[in-house]
């Protein structure tokens, strides 16, 4: 975790900057304003009550304000998270009007700091604040339109890649028929040509500007980019190497089980040599009946075998399990067989296990199939208990070597 991430996590936890490297400007008008300047980002704490983070373009990234944690997406959307005592955490995307008001509030805080600290600010901080104040509503609208012309909706990435540079090497999902997932139903699967990928990267760099420096890894979108046949994939990775700084070229991607099973250990070794560091694969469940309910391609056994091949080639994995899937009647085999599959994979340091609560609409295909099977959804209390059982079981199955964490899809924003 880099310094900016540390500051951001501290912001979300407490609303305060905890860095001893922060400089402080104290005036009668302002009180104490804390500045943490990083090469590509600035974090500001207003009297340890409100905290704001900006990228090198002055673009807002996050803030802690009046008890709420806000994350600003490149897309123009803003995610609000609020911890509610004795209740599930509130997570929602702000409406357009709410977003406009929040940006105005952030802007007003920065105007106050500039006006009250003009005589005490360094030239460096004045430069930063001038960049920040340039982000008015007109520029936010321009940024949103640039995003929409650069990307199709970026439906999801793994939590450890929320700060990655996303490149849509492919668009959509080559399978796109899992009952529990509707992320890519709005688009056909397409593999970009090398020329199209080069154009896409040029657009991405224009969108991010100096904010590109924060993106220390690359996530290859969309759902299973590595399913691309190896000769074409090799060409696409060569484009990335030519267009982007070497220090950002740690590559990460999703891959479905069926697609993963099509590549050999030698092909994975080639991908590792090209910079692929971790592949995320949705096991979801180790139980065959649950797997059938989900209409996933491949099988749990294929997932174990492909993970072994990836690891033999030096690539780490992120294995995703769903909590709540299969409902009440399949809960016991789902947990038992999922943990058995994890134990068979030989996961170690550098590997991840994500536990993601099942979130599906009541009128969707998964819910319909579950009703036909006669399996009722888990109650909120039972779901919470299964989450904890899977987390504890995953730690035991990997002998504490792999990192186990919650993956909540409602916390995603790019």
Foldseek 3Di string as FASTA:
>chain_A
DDPVVVQLVCCVVQVAGPDPPWDWDADPQQGIKTWDDDPFKIWIRRVSAKIWIATNLLHTAWMQHPQWTWGAFLLRWIWIWHDDPPDDIDIDIDDPVVSLVVLVVVLVVLVSCCVRCVVPDDPVVVVSSVSNNVPHPVNSVVSNVLVVVLDDDQQDDFPVQLLAAEQAQWAADQVCPFQQDDRRVVDDIGGDALVRSLVSLVSSCVSCPSSNVRHQEYEHDDAANVLPPLVRVVSNLVSVPVRDDPRHYQYEYEHELVSLLVDALVSLLVVVVSRDAEYEYELQFQDPVLCVLRVGPDHLVSNLVSLLSNVVSVHAYEYEYEFQGLADVCLVRRLVRRLVSLLSNQHFASHEYEYEYRDHDCPTSSVVSSVVVVHDTDDPVVSVVRSVSNQVSNCVSNVNGHHYYYTYSSPRHD
